[in-house]
Amino acid sequence: MSGPGVAWYLSVAAFLFGTGSLGVLLRRNPLIVLLSLEIMLNGANLALIGFARNFGDGSGQIFALAVMAVAASEVVVGLGLIVALNRKRVTLDVDRLNTLRG
């Protein structure tokens, strides 16, 4: 097996996941929160692919593709909500968004 070992993949995945979780916890803009969630999911995907490479099977890569599909649908719904709130001239602050009324 050539290339970096699984420890390198896991360290980069942990860095991505930690960066994303800090973005979710510290930011108040919902668009930045969505981007941080995507970074967290990419970190989890990298860990899955690293383990799949270490064990020599493709099941981790297939599961990473499933996670990407869920992430894409999450972005579609989240961006739809952000655009709808922006059209109603609602302040886009996560701390102030406590109810979703029509």
N, C-alpha and C. Protein backbone atom coordinates (compact mmCIF):
# COMPACT_ATOMS: atom_id res chain seq x y z
N MET A 1 0.85 -1.17 0.00
CA MET A 1 0.00 0.00 0.00
C MET A 1 0.90 1.24 0.00
N SER A 2 0.76 2.06 -1.01
CA SER A 2 1.55 3.28 -1.09
C SER A 2 0.70 4.47 -0.67
N GLY A 3 1.36 5.52 -0.32
CA GLY A 3 0.64 6.71 0.09
C GLY A 3 0.57 6.80 1.61
N PRO A 4 -0.12 7.81 2.09
CA PRO A 4 -0.20 8.00 3.55
C PRO A 4 -1.03 6.90 4.21
N GLY A 5 -0.74 6.67 5.47
CA GLY A 5 -1.48 5.67 6.23
C GLY A 5 -2.82 6.19 6.71
N VAL A 6 -3.54 5.32 7.39
CA VAL A 6 -4.88 5.67 7.85
C VAL A 6 -4.82 6.74 8.94
N ALA A 7 -3.72 6.84 9.67
CA ALA A 7 -3.60 7.85 10.72
C ALA A 7 -3.63 9.27 10.13
N TRP A 8 -3.03 9.45 8.97
CA TRP A 8 -3.06 10.76 8.33
C TRP A 8 -4.47 11.13 7.88
N TYR A 9 -5.17 10.16 7.31
CA TYR A 9 -6.55 10.41 6.90
C TYR A 9 -7.42 10.77 8.11
N LEU A 10 -7.23 10.04 9.20
CA LEU A 10 -8.04 10.30 10.38
C LEU A 10 -7.69 11.63 11.05
N SER A 11 -6.43 12.02 11.00
CA SER A 11 -6.08 13.31 11.59
C SER A 11 -6.66 14.47 10.78
N VAL A 12 -6.62 14.38 9.46
CA VAL A 12 -7.24 15.42 8.63
C VAL A 12 -8.76 15.42 8.80
N ALA A 13 -9.34 14.22 8.91
CA ALA A 13 -10.79 14.12 9.12
C ALA A 13 -11.18 14.73 10.46
N ALA A 14 -10.39 14.48 11.51
CA ALA A 14 -10.68 15.06 12.82
C ALA A 14 -10.54 16.58 12.79
N PHE A 15 -9.54 17.09 12.06
CA PHE A 15 -9.37 18.53 11.93
C PHE A 15 -10.57 19.15 11.22
N LEU A 16 -11.01 18.53 10.12
CA LEU A 16 -12.18 19.04 9.39
C LEU A 16 -13.43 19.00 10.26
N PHE A 17 -13.62 17.90 10.97
CA PHE A 17 -14.81 17.77 11.82
C PHE A 17 -14.77 18.79 12.96
N GLY A 18 -13.61 18.99 13.55
CA GLY A 18 -13.49 19.98 14.62
C GLY A 18 -13.71 21.40 14.13
N THR A 19 -13.18 21.72 12.96
CA THR A 19 -13.39 23.04 12.38
C THR A 19 -14.87 23.27 12.09
N GLY A 20 -15.52 22.27 11.55
CA GLY A 20 -16.95 22.39 11.27
C GLY A 20 -17.78 22.53 12.53
N SER A 21 -17.43 21.78 13.56
CA SER A 21 -18.22 21.88 14.80
C SER A 21 -18.01 23.23 15.47
N LEU A 22 -16.81 23.79 15.39
CA LEU A 22 -16.61 25.14 15.91
C LEU A 22 -17.42 26.16 15.13
N GLY A 23 -17.50 25.98 13.81
CA GLY A 23 -18.30 26.89 13.00
C GLY A 23 -19.78 26.82 13.34
N VAL A 24 -20.27 25.61 13.62
CA VAL A 24 -21.69 25.45 13.99
C VAL A 24 -21.96 26.08 15.35
N LEU A 25 -21.04 25.90 16.28
CA LEU A 25 -21.28 26.39 17.63
C LEU A 25 -21.05 27.89 17.79
N LEU A 26 -20.16 28.48 17.00
CA LEU A 26 -19.78 29.86 17.23
C LEU A 26 -20.45 30.86 16.30
N ARG A 27 -20.84 30.46 15.12
CA ARG A 27 -21.40 31.41 14.15
C ARG A 27 -22.91 31.53 14.32
N ARG A 28 -23.45 32.67 13.89
CA ARG A 28 -24.88 32.90 13.97
C ARG A 28 -25.56 33.01 12.62
N ASN A 29 -24.81 33.14 11.56
CA ASN A 29 -25.38 33.22 10.22
C ASN A 29 -25.77 31.82 9.76
N PRO A 30 -27.02 31.60 9.36
CA PRO A 30 -27.43 30.24 8.98
C PRO A 30 -26.69 29.70 7.76
N LEU A 31 -26.24 30.55 6.86
CA LEU A 31 -25.48 30.09 5.71
C LEU A 31 -24.12 29.53 6.15
N ILE A 32 -23.48 30.20 7.08
CA ILE A 32 -22.20 29.72 7.60
C ILE A 32 -22.41 28.44 8.39
N VAL A 33 -23.52 28.33 9.09
CA VAL A 33 -23.81 27.10 9.83
C VAL A 33 -23.98 25.93 8.86
N LEU A 34 -24.67 26.15 7.74
CA LEU A 34 -24.82 25.10 6.74
C LEU A 34 -23.47 24.69 6.14
N LEU A 35 -22.63 25.67 5.85
CA LEU A 35 -21.30 25.36 5.32
C LEU A 35 -20.47 24.59 6.35
N SER A 36 -20.61 24.93 7.62
CA SER A 36 -19.88 24.21 8.66
C SER A 36 -20.37 22.78 8.79
N LEU A 37 -21.67 22.59 8.63
CA LEU A 37 -22.21 21.21 8.65
C LEU A 37 -21.66 20.40 7.48
N GLU A 38 -21.51 21.05 6.34
CA GLU A 38 -20.93 20.35 5.19
C GLU A 38 -19.47 19.97 5.44
N ILE A 39 -18.73 20.85 6.11
CA ILE A 39 -17.35 20.52 6.45
C ILE A 39 -17.30 19.33 7.41
N MET A 40 -18.23 19.29 8.35
CA MET A 40 -18.30 18.15 9.28
C MET A 40 -18.60 16.85 8.54
N LEU A 41 -19.53 16.90 7.61
CA LEU A 41 -19.86 15.70 6.85
C LEU A 41 -18.71 15.26 5.95
N ASN A 42 -17.97 16.22 5.40
CA ASN A 42 -16.80 15.86 4.60
C ASN A 42 -15.71 15.22 5.46
N GLY A 43 -15.56 15.68 6.69
CA GLY A 43 -14.61 15.04 7.60
C GLY A 43 -15.02 13.60 7.91
N ALA A 44 -16.30 13.38 8.12
CA ALA A 44 -16.78 12.02 8.36
C ALA A 44 -16.59 11.15 7.12
N ASN A 45 -16.82 11.71 5.95
CA ASN A 45 -16.60 10.96 4.71
C ASN A 45 -15.13 10.58 4.53
N LEU A 46 -14.25 11.49 4.88
CA LEU A 46 -12.82 11.19 4.77
C LEU A 46 -12.42 10.08 5.73
N ALA A 47 -13.00 10.07 6.92
CA ALA A 47 -12.71 8.99 7.86
C ALA A 47 -13.24 7.66 7.32
N LEU A 48 -14.43 7.66 6.74
CA LEU A 48 -14.98 6.43 6.17
C LEU A 48 -14.11 5.91 5.03
N ILE A 49 -13.66 6.81 4.18
CA ILE A 49 -12.83 6.39 3.05
C ILE A 49 -11.46 5.93 3.52
N GLY A 50 -10.92 6.57 4.56
CA GLY A 50 -9.64 6.13 5.11
C GLY A 50 -9.73 4.73 5.70
N PHE A 51 -10.80 4.44 6.43
CA PHE A 51 -10.98 3.10 6.98
C PHE A 51 -11.23 2.08 5.88
N ALA A 52 -11.97 2.47 4.85
CA ALA A 52 -12.22 1.55 3.74
C ALA A 52 -10.91 1.21 3.03
N ARG A 53 -10.05 2.20 2.90
CA ARG A 53 -8.76 1.94 2.27
C ARG A 53 -7.90 1.04 3.15
N ASN A 54 -7.96 1.25 4.46
CA ASN A 54 -7.16 0.46 5.39
C ASN A 54 -7.59 -1.01 5.38
N PHE A 55 -8.89 -1.25 5.34
CA PHE A 55 -9.39 -2.62 5.39
C PHE A 55 -9.49 -3.27 4.02
N GLY A 56 -9.35 -2.49 2.96
CA GLY A 56 -9.31 -3.04 1.61
C GLY A 56 -10.65 -3.41 1.02
N ASP A 57 -11.73 -2.84 1.53
CA ASP A 57 -13.04 -3.10 0.92
C ASP A 57 -13.68 -1.77 0.54
N GLY A 58 -14.72 -1.84 -0.27
CA GLY A 58 -15.35 -0.64 -0.79
C GLY A 58 -16.60 -0.21 -0.06
N SER A 59 -16.92 -0.87 1.06
CA SER A 59 -18.17 -0.54 1.74
C SER A 59 -18.13 0.86 2.35
N GLY A 60 -16.98 1.30 2.82
CA GLY A 60 -16.88 2.65 3.36
C GLY A 60 -17.06 3.71 2.30
N GLN A 61 -16.57 3.43 1.10
CA GLN A 61 -16.74 4.38 0.01
C GLN A 61 -18.19 4.46 -0.44
N ILE A 62 -18.88 3.34 -0.44
CA ILE A 62 -20.30 3.34 -0.80
C ILE A 62 -21.11 4.09 0.24
N PHE A 63 -20.78 3.89 1.52
CA PHE A 63 -21.48 4.61 2.57
C PHE A 63 -21.18 6.10 2.50
N ALA A 64 -19.95 6.47 2.10
CA ALA A 64 -19.61 7.89 1.93
C ALA A 64 -20.45 8.51 0.81
N LEU A 65 -20.71 7.76 -0.25
CA LEU A 65 -21.60 8.27 -1.31
C LEU A 65 -23.01 8.48 -0.80
N ALA A 66 -23.49 7.60 0.08
CA ALA A 66 -24.81 7.78 0.67
C ALA A 66 -24.84 9.03 1.55
N VAL A 67 -23.77 9.27 2.29
CA VAL A 67 -23.70 10.47 3.13
C VAL A 67 -23.68 11.72 2.26
N MET A 68 -23.02 11.66 1.12
CA MET A 68 -23.01 12.81 0.20
C MET A 68 -24.41 13.10 -0.34
N ALA A 69 -25.18 12.06 -0.61
CA ALA A 69 -26.55 12.27 -1.08
C ALA A 69 -27.40 12.92 0.00
N VAL A 70 -27.25 12.49 1.25
CA VAL A 70 -27.99 13.10 2.35
C VAL A 70 -27.54 14.55 2.55
N ALA A 71 -26.25 14.81 2.41
CA ALA A 71 -25.74 16.17 2.56
C ALA A 71 -26.29 17.08 1.46
N ALA A 72 -26.40 16.57 0.26
CA ALA A 72 -26.94 17.38 -0.83
C ALA A 72 -28.40 17.73 -0.58
N SER A 73 -29.18 16.78 -0.10
CA SER A 73 -30.58 17.08 0.19
C SER A 73 -30.71 18.03 1.37
N GLU A 74 -29.81 17.93 2.34
CA GLU A 74 -29.83 18.86 3.47
C GLU A 74 -29.53 20.28 3.02
N VAL A 75 -28.62 20.44 2.09
CA VAL A 75 -28.29 21.77 1.57
C VAL A 75 -29.47 22.34 0.80
N VAL A 76 -30.15 21.52 0.03
CA VAL A 76 -31.30 22.00 -0.74
C VAL A 76 -32.39 22.52 0.20
N VAL A 77 -32.71 21.77 1.23
CA VAL A 77 -33.75 22.20 2.16
C VAL A 77 -33.30 23.42 2.95
N GLY A 78 -32.06 23.41 3.41
CA GLY A 78 -31.56 24.54 4.19
C GLY A 78 -31.50 25.83 3.39
N LEU A 79 -30.98 25.75 2.17
CA LEU A 79 -30.93 26.96 1.34
C LEU A 79 -32.31 27.45 0.97
N GLY A 80 -33.25 26.52 0.77
CA GLY A 80 -34.63 26.93 0.51
C GLY A 80 -35.22 27.71 1.68
N LEU A 81 -34.95 27.25 2.90
CA LEU A 81 -35.43 27.98 4.08
C LEU A 81 -34.76 29.34 4.21
N ILE A 82 -33.47 29.41 3.93
CA ILE A 82 -32.76 30.68 4.05
C ILE A 82 -33.27 31.67 3.01
N VAL A 83 -33.51 31.22 1.79
CA VAL A 83 -34.04 32.11 0.75
C VAL A 83 -35.44 32.58 1.11
N ALA A 84 -36.27 31.67 1.65
CA ALA A 84 -37.63 32.06 2.04
C ALA A 84 -37.61 33.08 3.17
N LEU A 85 -36.73 32.90 4.12
CA LEU A 85 -36.64 33.88 5.21
C LEU A 85 -36.09 35.20 4.73
N ASN A 86 -35.16 35.15 3.80
CA ASN A 86 -34.59 36.39 3.28
C ASN A 86 -35.62 37.17 2.47
N ARG A 87 -36.49 36.49 1.77
CA ARG A 87 -37.53 37.18 0.99
C ARG A 87 -38.55 37.86 1.88
N LYS A 88 -38.76 37.32 3.08
CA LYS A 88 -39.71 37.94 4.01
C LYS A 88 -39.05 39.02 4.87
N ARG A 89 -37.81 39.33 4.56
CA ARG A 89 -37.04 40.36 5.27
C ARG A 89 -36.88 40.04 6.75
N VAL A 90 -36.71 38.76 7.05
CA VAL A 90 -36.47 38.33 8.42
C VAL A 90 -34.97 38.41 8.67
N THR A 91 -34.60 38.84 9.86
CA THR A 91 -33.18 38.92 10.22
C THR A 91 -32.61 37.51 10.27
N LEU A 92 -31.55 37.27 9.52
CA LEU A 92 -30.94 35.95 9.46
C LEU A 92 -29.93 35.79 10.59
N ASP A 93 -30.46 35.54 11.78
CA ASP A 93 -29.65 35.30 12.97
C ASP A 93 -30.18 34.03 13.62
N VAL A 94 -29.31 33.05 13.80
CA VAL A 94 -29.74 31.75 14.30
C VAL A 94 -30.30 31.87 15.71
N ASP A 95 -29.76 32.76 16.52
CA ASP A 95 -30.26 32.91 17.89
C ASP A 95 -31.67 33.49 17.92
N ARG A 96 -32.03 34.27 16.94
CA ARG A 96 -33.36 34.89 16.91
C ARG A 96 -34.41 34.04 16.21
N LEU A 97 -33.98 33.03 15.46
CA LEU A 97 -34.93 32.16 14.77
C LEU A 97 -35.35 31.04 15.72
N ASN A 98 -36.43 31.25 16.45
CA ASN A 98 -36.87 30.21 17.36
C ASN A 98 -38.16 29.53 16.90
N THR A 99 -38.91 30.17 16.03
CA THR A 99 -40.11 29.54 15.48
C THR A 99 -40.16 29.78 13.98
N LEU A 100 -40.77 28.85 13.28
CA LEU A 100 -40.96 29.00 11.83
C LEU A 100 -42.46 29.15 11.58
N ARG A 101 -42.89 30.38 11.45
CA ARG A 101 -44.30 30.65 11.19
C ARG A 101 -44.47 31.12 9.77
N GLY A 102 -45.63 30.82 9.19
CA GLY A 102 -45.89 31.20 7.81
C GLY A 102 -46.33 32.61 7.63
